[in-house]
Amino acid sequence: MKYFFQSMLGAMLLLSGVFAFSSCGNDESDPDSTVTIAMATVEKQPQYDAPYLVLDNGEKLWVVQHIVPYRDLKAGERIFGNYSFLEAGESGFAYNIRLNDYTLVPVQKIIGLTPDNMDSIGNMKVQIKDMWPSDDYLNVRFMLNFPSPQKPILNLVVNEMIPWTKDGYAHLELRYNNNGSQGRLVPGMVSFKLT
């Protein structure tokens, strides 16, 4: 009889634990359940008191909560952001979000490669981890040598030293200059403005 009560008590505790913890699933009302990491461009309109984010797919995100300061971000800057969806947005915004963290991503223009700047642009091997286009940018995630007395440079160039082709395409080259650094490799990101 004693064994029966212990078994029943154990079974009841086990079942109550299963039911209690099954309610801890992925609740969409919890902001942490919808954490997303994405590239975005910072925009700021005069009618808004703070900047907002435009994803590469064109969706606009309005920051209603933030863990990190963001109000000093300037229009045109790019970020690699970590954010949580809170609710559907309004007034042209797809979502209201909580900005959890972000890293500024340098934005560079496409430049011409000439005999005058060839040495400073470099032509060293670089390890590309990922590369993807969006409407206005070519985004590159790569490994760069660190530390360096001078910052390593990754450029997207039009090689003006070779004849132009008349096929209707812009032929671009990715050029890397590690500025003499042979340090350890660390991840880096850059967005090249295509328009």
N, C-alpha and C. Protein backbone atom coordinates (compact mmCIF):
# COMPACT_ATOMS: atom_id res chain seq x y z
N MET A 1 0.82 -1.19 0.00
CA MET A 1 0.00 0.00 0.00
C MET A 1 0.87 1.26 0.00
N LYS A 2 1.94 1.23 0.82
CA LYS A 2 2.85 2.36 0.88
C LYS A 2 3.48 2.59 -0.49
N TYR A 3 3.86 1.52 -1.17
CA TYR A 3 4.47 1.62 -2.50
C TYR A 3 3.48 2.21 -3.49
N PHE A 4 2.20 1.85 -3.40
CA PHE A 4 1.17 2.36 -4.30
C PHE A 4 1.02 3.87 -4.16
N PHE A 5 0.97 4.39 -2.91
CA PHE A 5 0.84 5.83 -2.68
C PHE A 5 2.07 6.59 -3.18
N GLN A 6 3.25 6.02 -2.97
CA GLN A 6 4.46 6.67 -3.46
C GLN A 6 4.46 6.72 -4.99
N SER A 7 4.01 5.63 -5.62
CA SER A 7 3.95 5.60 -7.08
C SER A 7 2.94 6.61 -7.60
N MET A 8 1.77 6.70 -6.95
CA MET A 8 0.74 7.66 -7.37
C MET A 8 1.24 9.09 -7.19
N LEU A 9 1.88 9.36 -6.06
CA LEU A 9 2.41 10.69 -5.81
C LEU A 9 3.47 11.05 -6.85
N GLY A 10 4.34 10.11 -7.16
CA GLY A 10 5.37 10.33 -8.18
C GLY A 10 4.76 10.59 -9.55
N ALA A 11 3.73 9.81 -9.91
CA ALA A 11 3.06 9.98 -11.20
C ALA A 11 2.36 11.34 -11.26
N MET A 12 1.72 11.75 -10.16
CA MET A 12 1.03 13.05 -10.14
C MET A 12 2.04 14.19 -10.27
N LEU A 13 3.16 14.09 -9.58
CA LEU A 13 4.19 15.13 -9.70
C LEU A 13 4.76 15.18 -11.12
N LEU A 14 4.98 14.02 -11.71
CA LEU A 14 5.51 13.98 -13.07
C LEU A 14 4.53 14.60 -14.06
N LEU A 15 3.25 14.24 -13.96
CA LEU A 15 2.24 14.80 -14.86
C LEU A 15 2.06 16.29 -14.64
N SER A 16 2.05 16.73 -13.38
CA SER A 16 1.89 18.17 -13.14
C SER A 16 3.11 18.93 -13.68
N GLY A 17 4.29 18.35 -13.60
CA GLY A 17 5.48 18.98 -14.17
C GLY A 17 5.41 19.07 -15.68
N VAL A 18 4.92 18.02 -16.32
CA VAL A 18 4.77 18.03 -17.78
C VAL A 18 3.80 19.11 -18.20
N PHE A 19 2.65 19.20 -17.51
CA PHE A 19 1.66 20.22 -17.86
C PHE A 19 2.18 21.63 -17.55
N ALA A 20 2.88 21.78 -16.45
CA ALA A 20 3.39 23.11 -16.08
C ALA A 20 4.42 23.60 -17.09
N PHE A 21 5.33 22.72 -17.49
CA PHE A 21 6.39 23.15 -18.40
C PHE A 21 5.95 23.17 -19.86
N SER A 22 4.86 22.50 -20.19
CA SER A 22 4.38 22.57 -21.57
C SER A 22 3.83 23.95 -21.89
N SER A 23 3.48 24.72 -20.89
CA SER A 23 3.00 26.09 -21.14
C SER A 23 4.15 27.05 -21.37
N CYS A 24 5.38 26.60 -21.27
CA CYS A 24 6.55 27.46 -21.49
C CYS A 24 7.02 27.38 -22.92
N GLY A 25 6.14 27.11 -23.85
CA GLY A 25 6.52 26.99 -25.26
C GLY A 25 6.81 28.34 -25.87
N ASN A 26 6.80 28.37 -27.17
CA ASN A 26 7.14 29.57 -27.93
C ASN A 26 5.91 30.47 -28.02
N ASP A 27 5.76 31.36 -27.06
CA ASP A 27 4.62 32.26 -27.00
C ASP A 27 4.94 33.51 -27.81
N GLU A 28 4.15 33.77 -28.85
CA GLU A 28 4.44 34.90 -29.72
C GLU A 28 4.23 36.24 -29.05
N SER A 29 3.57 36.27 -27.88
CA SER A 29 3.42 37.54 -27.18
C SER A 29 4.70 37.91 -26.45
N ASP A 30 5.61 36.96 -26.30
CA ASP A 30 6.90 37.22 -25.66
C ASP A 30 7.87 37.73 -26.71
N PRO A 31 8.40 38.96 -26.54
CA PRO A 31 9.30 39.52 -27.56
C PRO A 31 10.53 38.66 -27.83
N ASP A 32 11.01 37.95 -26.83
CA ASP A 32 12.21 37.15 -27.02
C ASP A 32 11.96 35.96 -27.94
N SER A 33 10.70 35.61 -28.17
CA SER A 33 10.41 34.46 -29.02
C SER A 33 10.54 34.80 -30.49
N THR A 34 10.66 36.07 -30.82
CA THR A 34 10.74 36.47 -32.23
C THR A 34 11.98 37.32 -32.48
N VAL A 35 13.09 36.95 -31.90
CA VAL A 35 14.34 37.68 -32.10
C VAL A 35 14.83 37.43 -33.52
N THR A 36 15.20 38.50 -34.20
CA THR A 36 15.67 38.44 -35.58
C THR A 36 16.95 39.24 -35.70
N ILE A 37 17.82 38.80 -36.59
CA ILE A 37 19.06 39.52 -36.89
C ILE A 37 19.03 39.84 -38.38
N ALA A 38 19.23 41.11 -38.72
CA ALA A 38 19.16 41.49 -40.13
C ALA A 38 19.90 42.80 -40.37
N MET A 39 20.22 43.03 -41.64
CA MET A 39 20.81 44.29 -42.07
C MET A 39 19.69 45.30 -42.28
N ALA A 40 19.97 46.55 -41.94
CA ALA A 40 18.97 47.61 -42.14
C ALA A 40 19.68 48.93 -42.39
N THR A 41 18.96 49.83 -43.03
CA THR A 41 19.43 51.19 -43.25
C THR A 41 18.65 52.11 -42.32
N VAL A 42 19.37 53.03 -41.70
CA VAL A 42 18.74 53.98 -40.79
C VAL A 42 18.12 55.11 -41.61
N GLU A 43 16.90 55.46 -41.30
CA GLU A 43 16.22 56.60 -41.94
C GLU A 43 15.70 57.52 -40.85
N LYS A 44 15.60 58.78 -41.17
CA LYS A 44 15.05 59.74 -40.21
C LYS A 44 14.28 60.79 -40.99
N GLN A 45 13.01 60.92 -40.68
CA GLN A 45 12.15 61.90 -41.33
C GLN A 45 11.85 63.02 -40.34
N PRO A 46 11.68 64.24 -40.81
CA PRO A 46 11.43 65.37 -39.90
C PRO A 46 10.18 65.18 -39.03
N GLN A 47 9.17 64.47 -39.53
CA GLN A 47 7.95 64.31 -38.75
C GLN A 47 8.09 63.32 -37.60
N TYR A 48 9.20 62.56 -37.58
CA TYR A 48 9.43 61.60 -36.50
C TYR A 48 10.54 62.10 -35.59
N ASP A 49 10.38 61.85 -34.29
CA ASP A 49 11.37 62.34 -33.33
C ASP A 49 12.57 61.40 -33.17
N ALA A 50 12.56 60.27 -33.85
CA ALA A 50 13.65 59.31 -33.72
C ALA A 50 13.86 58.61 -35.06
N PRO A 51 15.04 58.02 -35.25
CA PRO A 51 15.26 57.28 -36.49
C PRO A 51 14.46 55.98 -36.51
N TYR A 52 14.25 55.47 -37.69
CA TYR A 52 13.62 54.16 -37.85
C TYR A 52 14.48 53.34 -38.81
N LEU A 53 14.17 52.06 -38.94
CA LEU A 53 14.99 51.15 -39.73
C LEU A 53 14.23 50.67 -40.96
N VAL A 54 14.95 50.56 -42.06
CA VAL A 54 14.38 50.01 -43.29
C VAL A 54 15.19 48.76 -43.64
N LEU A 55 14.53 47.60 -43.61
CA LEU A 55 15.20 46.35 -43.95
C LEU A 55 15.52 46.32 -45.44
N ASP A 56 16.39 45.42 -45.83
CA ASP A 56 16.77 45.29 -47.24
C ASP A 56 15.59 44.87 -48.12
N ASN A 57 14.56 44.30 -47.53
CA ASN A 57 13.37 43.94 -48.32
C ASN A 57 12.37 45.09 -48.40
N GLY A 58 12.71 46.25 -47.82
CA GLY A 58 11.87 47.43 -47.90
C GLY A 58 10.94 47.65 -46.73
N GLU A 59 10.81 46.65 -45.83
CA GLU A 59 9.93 46.82 -44.67
C GLU A 59 10.50 47.85 -43.72
N LYS A 60 9.62 48.70 -43.19
CA LYS A 60 10.02 49.73 -42.22
C LYS A 60 9.71 49.24 -40.81
N LEU A 61 10.67 49.45 -39.90
CA LEU A 61 10.52 49.03 -38.51
C LEU A 61 10.60 50.26 -37.61
N TRP A 62 9.64 50.40 -36.71
CA TRP A 62 9.63 51.51 -35.76
C TRP A 62 10.10 50.99 -34.40
N VAL A 63 11.09 51.64 -33.82
CA VAL A 63 11.64 51.22 -32.53
C VAL A 63 10.78 51.83 -31.42
N VAL A 64 10.08 50.96 -30.67
CA VAL A 64 9.28 51.44 -29.55
C VAL A 64 9.93 51.11 -28.21
N GLN A 65 10.85 50.14 -28.22
CA GLN A 65 11.64 49.82 -27.03
C GLN A 65 13.07 49.61 -27.49
N HIS A 66 14.00 49.89 -26.59
CA HIS A 66 15.40 49.67 -26.95
C HIS A 66 16.20 49.33 -25.71
N ILE A 67 17.17 48.45 -25.90
CA ILE A 67 18.09 48.07 -24.83
C ILE A 67 19.38 48.87 -24.98
N VAL A 68 19.68 49.27 -26.18
CA VAL A 68 20.90 50.05 -26.47
C VAL A 68 20.48 51.43 -26.99
N PRO A 69 21.29 52.47 -26.75
CA PRO A 69 20.95 53.79 -27.29
C PRO A 69 21.00 53.77 -28.81
N TYR A 70 20.04 54.43 -29.44
CA TYR A 70 19.99 54.41 -30.90
C TYR A 70 19.61 55.77 -31.50
N ARG A 71 19.20 56.71 -30.70
CA ARG A 71 18.68 57.98 -31.23
C ARG A 71 19.74 58.81 -31.94
N ASP A 72 21.01 58.54 -31.72
CA ASP A 72 22.07 59.29 -32.40
C ASP A 72 22.43 58.70 -33.76
N LEU A 73 21.79 57.60 -34.14
CA LEU A 73 22.04 57.05 -35.47
C LEU A 73 21.62 58.06 -36.52
N LYS A 74 22.39 58.13 -37.60
CA LYS A 74 22.13 59.11 -38.65
C LYS A 74 21.53 58.44 -39.89
N ALA A 75 20.74 59.20 -40.61
CA ALA A 75 20.12 58.70 -41.84
C ALA A 75 21.21 58.25 -42.80
N GLY A 76 21.00 57.09 -43.42
CA GLY A 76 21.95 56.55 -44.38
C GLY A 76 22.94 55.58 -43.78
N GLU A 77 23.06 55.54 -42.45
CA GLU A 77 23.96 54.56 -41.83
C GLU A 77 23.35 53.17 -41.96
N ARG A 78 24.22 52.16 -41.98
CA ARG A 78 23.79 50.77 -42.06
C ARG A 78 24.10 50.11 -40.73
N ILE A 79 23.19 49.23 -40.30
CA ILE A 79 23.43 48.46 -39.09
C ILE A 79 23.16 46.99 -39.35
N PHE A 80 23.85 46.16 -38.59
CA PHE A 80 23.56 44.74 -38.50
C PHE A 80 22.88 44.62 -37.14
N GLY A 81 21.55 44.50 -37.14
CA GLY A 81 20.79 44.65 -35.91
C GLY A 81 20.17 43.37 -35.39
N ASN A 82 20.00 43.33 -34.08
CA ASN A 82 19.31 42.27 -33.38
C ASN A 82 18.06 42.92 -32.79
N TYR A 83 16.89 42.46 -33.20
CA TYR A 83 15.67 43.09 -32.72
C TYR A 83 14.59 42.03 -32.49
N SER A 84 13.58 42.43 -31.74
CA SER A 84 12.44 41.56 -31.45
C SER A 84 11.17 42.21 -31.97
N PHE A 85 10.36 41.43 -32.68
CA PHE A 85 9.06 41.91 -33.13
C PHE A 85 8.13 42.03 -31.92
N LEU A 86 7.48 43.16 -31.77
CA LEU A 86 6.54 43.32 -30.66
C LEU A 86 5.09 43.24 -31.14
N GLU A 87 4.79 43.96 -32.22
CA GLU A 87 3.42 43.97 -32.74
C GLU A 87 3.44 44.53 -34.15
N ALA A 88 2.34 44.35 -34.84
CA ALA A 88 2.22 44.93 -36.18
C ALA A 88 2.27 46.45 -36.08
N GLY A 89 2.92 47.06 -37.05
CA GLY A 89 3.06 48.51 -37.04
C GLY A 89 1.86 49.20 -37.67
N GLU A 90 1.93 50.52 -37.68
CA GLU A 90 0.89 51.32 -38.33
C GLU A 90 1.55 52.52 -38.99
N SER A 91 0.80 53.27 -39.76
CA SER A 91 1.30 54.47 -40.46
C SER A 91 2.47 54.15 -41.38
N GLY A 92 2.39 53.03 -42.10
CA GLY A 92 3.43 52.67 -43.06
C GLY A 92 4.55 51.81 -42.51
N PHE A 93 4.54 51.52 -41.22
CA PHE A 93 5.56 50.67 -40.61
C PHE A 93 5.04 49.24 -40.54
N ALA A 94 5.90 48.28 -40.93
CA ALA A 94 5.49 46.87 -40.91
C ALA A 94 5.36 46.36 -39.48
N TYR A 95 6.33 46.74 -38.61
CA TYR A 95 6.34 46.23 -37.24
C TYR A 95 6.85 47.29 -36.29
N ASN A 96 6.39 47.19 -35.05
CA ASN A 96 7.01 47.88 -33.93
C ASN A 96 7.98 46.89 -33.31
N ILE A 97 9.18 47.35 -32.99
CA ILE A 97 10.21 46.42 -32.52
C ILE A 97 10.87 46.91 -31.24
N ARG A 98 11.57 45.97 -30.60
CA ARG A 98 12.51 46.31 -29.54
C ARG A 98 13.89 46.10 -30.13
N LEU A 99 14.72 47.13 -30.12
CA LEU A 99 16.09 47.03 -30.63
C LEU A 99 16.97 46.51 -29.50
N ASN A 100 17.46 45.27 -29.66
CA ASN A 100 18.25 44.62 -28.62
C ASN A 100 19.73 44.99 -28.70
N ASP A 101 20.25 45.08 -29.91
CA ASP A 101 21.67 45.39 -30.10
C ASP A 101 21.89 45.67 -31.58
N TYR A 102 22.99 46.32 -31.89
CA TYR A 102 23.35 46.53 -33.29
C TYR A 102 24.83 46.84 -33.40
N THR A 103 25.34 46.65 -34.60
CA THR A 103 26.70 47.02 -34.96
C THR A 103 26.62 47.88 -36.20
N LEU A 104 27.34 49.00 -36.19
CA LEU A 104 27.40 49.83 -37.38
C LEU A 104 28.19 49.11 -38.46
N VAL A 105 27.71 49.18 -39.68
CA VAL A 105 28.38 48.57 -40.83
C VAL A 105 28.84 49.71 -41.74
N PRO A 106 30.13 49.76 -42.06
CA PRO A 106 30.60 50.83 -42.94
C PRO A 106 29.94 50.77 -44.31
N VAL A 107 29.64 51.93 -44.85
CA VAL A 107 29.08 52.04 -46.20
C VAL A 107 30.15 52.68 -47.08
N GLN A 108 30.46 52.02 -48.19
CA GLN A 108 31.47 52.53 -49.11
C GLN A 108 30.89 52.65 -50.50
N LYS A 109 31.46 53.57 -51.27
CA LYS A 109 31.07 53.74 -52.66
C LYS A 109 31.97 52.89 -53.54
N ILE A 110 31.49 52.56 -54.72
CA ILE A 110 32.32 51.89 -55.72
C ILE A 110 33.29 52.94 -56.26
N ILE A 111 34.55 52.56 -56.36
CA ILE A 111 35.56 53.52 -56.83
C ILE A 111 36.25 52.99 -58.08
N GLY A 112 36.90 53.87 -58.79
CA GLY A 112 37.66 53.49 -59.97
C GLY A 112 39.06 53.06 -59.59
N LEU A 113 39.54 51.98 -60.20
CA LEU A 113 40.91 51.49 -59.98
C LEU A 113 41.78 52.04 -61.11
N THR A 114 42.79 52.81 -60.73
CA THR A 114 43.69 53.45 -61.70
C THR A 114 45.13 53.15 -61.31
N PRO A 115 46.10 53.44 -62.18
CA PRO A 115 47.50 53.26 -61.80
C PRO A 115 47.88 54.11 -60.58
N ASP A 116 47.23 55.24 -60.39
CA ASP A 116 47.56 56.13 -59.27
C ASP A 116 47.14 55.56 -57.91
N ASN A 117 46.03 54.83 -57.85
CA ASN A 117 45.56 54.33 -56.55
C ASN A 117 45.70 52.82 -56.41
N MET A 118 46.31 52.16 -57.38
CA MET A 118 46.40 50.70 -57.38
C MET A 118 47.12 50.16 -56.13
N ASP A 119 48.21 50.81 -55.71
CA ASP A 119 48.95 50.32 -54.54
C ASP A 119 48.15 50.44 -53.25
N SER A 120 47.43 51.53 -53.08
CA SER A 120 46.68 51.71 -51.84
C SER A 120 45.44 50.82 -51.77
N ILE A 121 44.89 50.47 -52.92
CA ILE A 121 43.71 49.60 -52.93
C ILE A 121 44.10 48.15 -52.69
N GLY A 122 45.26 47.73 -53.20
CA GLY A 122 45.73 46.37 -52.96
C GLY A 122 45.04 45.34 -53.82
N ASN A 123 45.56 44.11 -53.73
CA ASN A 123 44.98 42.98 -54.45
C ASN A 123 45.34 41.69 -53.73
N MET A 124 45.13 41.69 -52.41
CA MET A 124 45.49 40.52 -51.61
C MET A 124 44.29 39.58 -51.50
N LYS A 125 44.59 38.34 -51.17
CA LYS A 125 43.52 37.36 -50.98
C LYS A 125 42.72 37.74 -49.73
N VAL A 126 41.42 37.54 -49.81
CA VAL A 126 40.55 37.80 -48.68
C VAL A 126 39.55 36.65 -48.58
N GLN A 127 39.25 36.26 -47.36
CA GLN A 127 38.31 35.18 -47.13
C GLN A 127 36.89 35.76 -47.03
N ILE A 128 36.07 35.49 -48.03
CA ILE A 128 34.69 35.97 -48.05
C ILE A 128 33.82 34.90 -47.39
N LYS A 129 33.09 35.28 -46.36
CA LYS A 129 32.21 34.35 -45.66
C LYS A 129 30.81 34.34 -46.27
N ASP A 130 30.36 35.52 -46.72
CA ASP A 130 29.03 35.62 -47.31
C ASP A 130 28.96 36.92 -48.10
N MET A 131 28.17 36.90 -49.16
CA MET A 131 27.98 38.09 -49.98
C MET A 131 26.56 38.04 -50.54
N TRP A 132 25.82 39.13 -50.38
CA TRP A 132 24.45 39.14 -50.89
C TRP A 132 24.06 40.55 -51.31
N PRO A 133 23.31 40.64 -52.40
CA PRO A 133 22.85 41.95 -52.85
C PRO A 133 21.49 42.29 -52.25
N SER A 134 21.23 43.57 -52.15
CA SER A 134 19.89 44.07 -51.85
C SER A 134 19.60 45.13 -52.91
N ASP A 135 18.51 45.83 -52.79
CA ASP A 135 18.16 46.81 -53.82
C ASP A 135 19.26 47.86 -54.01
N ASP A 136 19.81 48.37 -52.93
CA ASP A 136 20.76 49.48 -53.01
C ASP A 136 22.18 49.13 -52.61
N TYR A 137 22.42 47.92 -52.09
CA TYR A 137 23.73 47.60 -51.53
C TYR A 137 24.20 46.21 -51.95
N LEU A 138 25.51 46.05 -51.97
CA LEU A 138 26.13 44.73 -52.00
C LEU A 138 26.76 44.56 -50.63
N ASN A 139 26.29 43.60 -49.86
CA ASN A 139 26.75 43.37 -48.50
C ASN A 139 27.78 42.25 -48.51
N VAL A 140 28.89 42.45 -47.81
CA VAL A 140 29.97 41.47 -47.78
C VAL A 140 30.37 41.22 -46.34
N ARG A 141 30.37 39.94 -45.96
CA ARG A 141 30.88 39.51 -44.66
C ARG A 141 32.18 38.78 -44.94
N PHE A 142 33.28 39.23 -44.33
CA PHE A 142 34.59 38.69 -44.66
C PHE A 142 35.46 38.60 -43.41
N MET A 143 36.62 37.98 -43.56
CA MET A 143 37.59 37.88 -42.47
C MET A 143 38.73 38.86 -42.76
N LEU A 144 39.06 39.70 -41.77
CA LEU A 144 40.14 40.66 -41.96
C LEU A 144 41.23 40.44 -40.92
N ASN A 145 42.44 40.86 -41.27
CA ASN A 145 43.57 40.73 -40.36
C ASN A 145 43.49 41.81 -39.29
N PHE A 146 43.71 41.41 -38.03
CA PHE A 146 43.64 42.34 -36.92
C PHE A 146 44.67 41.92 -35.90
N PRO A 147 45.37 42.73 -35.19
CA PRO A 147 45.35 44.18 -35.28
C PRO A 147 46.23 44.66 -36.42
N SER A 148 46.05 45.89 -36.77
CA SER A 148 46.83 46.51 -37.83
C SER A 148 47.07 47.96 -37.45
N PRO A 149 48.29 48.47 -37.72
CA PRO A 149 48.51 49.88 -37.41
C PRO A 149 47.61 50.78 -38.26
N GLN A 150 47.29 50.32 -39.45
CA GLN A 150 46.35 51.01 -40.32
C GLN A 150 45.19 50.08 -40.57
N LYS A 151 44.02 50.62 -40.69
CA LYS A 151 42.83 49.80 -40.88
C LYS A 151 42.88 49.05 -42.22
N PRO A 152 42.59 47.74 -42.22
CA PRO A 152 42.49 47.02 -43.48
C PRO A 152 41.38 47.61 -44.34
N ILE A 153 41.55 47.53 -45.65
CA ILE A 153 40.61 48.16 -46.57
C ILE A 153 40.08 47.12 -47.56
N LEU A 154 38.77 47.04 -47.67
CA LEU A 154 38.11 46.23 -48.68
C LEU A 154 37.37 47.20 -49.60
N ASN A 155 37.65 47.13 -50.89
CA ASN A 155 37.03 48.04 -51.86
C ASN A 155 36.36 47.27 -52.97
N LEU A 156 35.31 47.84 -53.50
CA LEU A 156 34.67 47.35 -54.70
C LEU A 156 35.02 48.36 -55.78
N VAL A 157 35.69 47.88 -56.84
CA VAL A 157 36.24 48.81 -57.83
C VAL A 157 35.78 48.48 -59.24
N VAL A 158 35.80 49.51 -60.07
CA VAL A 158 35.69 49.38 -61.52
C VAL A 158 37.12 49.52 -62.02
N ASN A 159 37.65 48.46 -62.62
CA ASN A 159 39.03 48.48 -63.09
C ASN A 159 39.11 49.31 -64.38
N GLU A 160 39.60 50.54 -64.24
CA GLU A 160 39.70 51.45 -65.38
C GLU A 160 40.95 51.20 -66.22
N MET A 161 41.74 50.20 -65.82
CA MET A 161 42.98 49.90 -66.56
C MET A 161 42.77 48.82 -67.61
N ILE A 162 41.58 48.24 -67.65
CA ILE A 162 41.29 47.23 -68.68
C ILE A 162 40.20 47.78 -69.59
N PRO A 163 40.12 47.32 -70.82
CA PRO A 163 39.11 47.85 -71.75
C PRO A 163 37.69 47.53 -71.27
N TRP A 164 36.79 48.47 -71.51
CA TRP A 164 35.39 48.28 -71.17
C TRP A 164 34.76 47.27 -72.10
N THR A 165 33.90 46.45 -71.56
CA THR A 165 33.13 45.53 -72.40
C THR A 165 31.77 46.15 -72.69
N LYS A 166 31.22 45.84 -73.81
CA LYS A 166 29.94 46.43 -74.20
C LYS A 166 28.81 45.42 -74.06
N ASP A 167 28.81 44.68 -72.95
CA ASP A 167 27.76 43.68 -72.74
C ASP A 167 26.62 44.20 -71.86
N GLY A 168 26.69 45.46 -71.44
CA GLY A 168 25.62 46.04 -70.64
C GLY A 168 25.75 45.83 -69.14
N TYR A 169 26.85 45.22 -68.69
CA TYR A 169 27.04 44.95 -67.28
C TYR A 169 28.21 45.77 -66.74
N ALA A 170 28.13 46.11 -65.47
CA ALA A 170 29.26 46.73 -64.79
C ALA A 170 30.13 45.59 -64.25
N HIS A 171 31.38 45.54 -64.65
CA HIS A 171 32.29 44.49 -64.18
C HIS A 171 33.08 45.05 -63.01
N LEU A 172 32.83 44.48 -61.84
CA LEU A 172 33.41 44.98 -60.61
C LEU A 172 34.39 43.97 -60.04
N GLU A 173 35.37 44.48 -59.30
CA GLU A 173 36.35 43.62 -58.63
C GLU A 173 36.36 43.97 -57.15
N LEU A 174 36.47 42.94 -56.32
CA LEU A 174 36.62 43.13 -54.89
C LEU A 174 38.10 43.13 -54.59
N ARG A 175 38.62 44.20 -54.01
CA ARG A 175 40.06 44.32 -53.73
C ARG A 175 40.26 44.51 -52.24
N TYR A 176 41.33 43.86 -51.71
CA TYR A 176 41.62 43.91 -50.28
C TYR A 176 43.05 44.34 -50.06
N ASN A 177 43.25 45.23 -49.10
CA ASN A 177 44.59 45.65 -48.67
C ASN A 177 44.64 45.48 -47.16
N ASN A 178 45.46 44.55 -46.69
CA ASN A 178 45.55 44.32 -45.25
C ASN A 178 46.50 45.30 -44.57
N ASN A 179 47.11 46.20 -45.34
CA ASN A 179 48.03 47.22 -44.82
C ASN A 179 49.14 46.61 -43.96
N GLY A 180 49.62 45.46 -44.38
CA GLY A 180 50.77 44.84 -43.72
C GLY A 180 50.46 44.02 -42.50
N SER A 181 49.23 43.93 -42.09
CA SER A 181 48.89 43.18 -40.88
C SER A 181 48.90 41.68 -41.16
N GLN A 182 49.55 40.94 -40.30
CA GLN A 182 49.54 39.48 -40.38
C GLN A 182 48.89 38.90 -39.13
N GLY A 183 48.08 39.72 -38.45
CA GLY A 183 47.44 39.30 -37.20
C GLY A 183 46.37 38.25 -37.43
N ARG A 184 45.69 37.95 -36.36
CA ARG A 184 44.64 36.93 -36.44
C ARG A 184 43.47 37.44 -37.27
N LEU A 185 42.69 36.52 -37.79
CA LEU A 185 41.54 36.88 -38.60
C LEU A 185 40.32 37.10 -37.71
N VAL A 186 39.63 38.19 -37.95
CA VAL A 186 38.39 38.50 -37.24
C VAL A 186 37.32 38.86 -38.27
N PRO A 187 36.05 38.65 -37.95
CA PRO A 187 35.01 38.96 -38.93
C PRO A 187 34.81 40.46 -39.13
N GLY A 188 34.50 40.82 -40.35
CA GLY A 188 34.18 42.20 -40.70
C GLY A 188 33.02 42.23 -41.67
N MET A 189 32.37 43.37 -41.76
CA MET A 189 31.25 43.55 -42.69
C MET A 189 31.38 44.90 -43.35
N VAL A 190 30.87 44.98 -44.57
CA VAL A 190 30.82 46.25 -45.29
C VAL A 190 29.64 46.20 -46.25
N SER A 191 29.05 47.36 -46.49
CA SER A 191 27.99 47.49 -47.50
C SER A 191 28.48 48.45 -48.56
N PHE A 192 28.44 48.02 -49.81
CA PHE A 192 28.82 48.88 -50.93
C PHE A 192 27.56 49.45 -51.55
N LYS A 193 27.51 50.77 -51.67
CA LYS A 193 26.36 51.46 -52.25
C LYS A 193 26.35 51.23 -53.75
N LEU A 194 25.27 50.65 -54.27
CA LEU A 194 25.19 50.32 -55.69
C LEU A 194 24.51 51.40 -56.52
N THR A 195 23.80 52.30 -55.89
CA THR A 195 23.09 53.34 -56.65
C THR A 195 23.68 54.71 -56.41
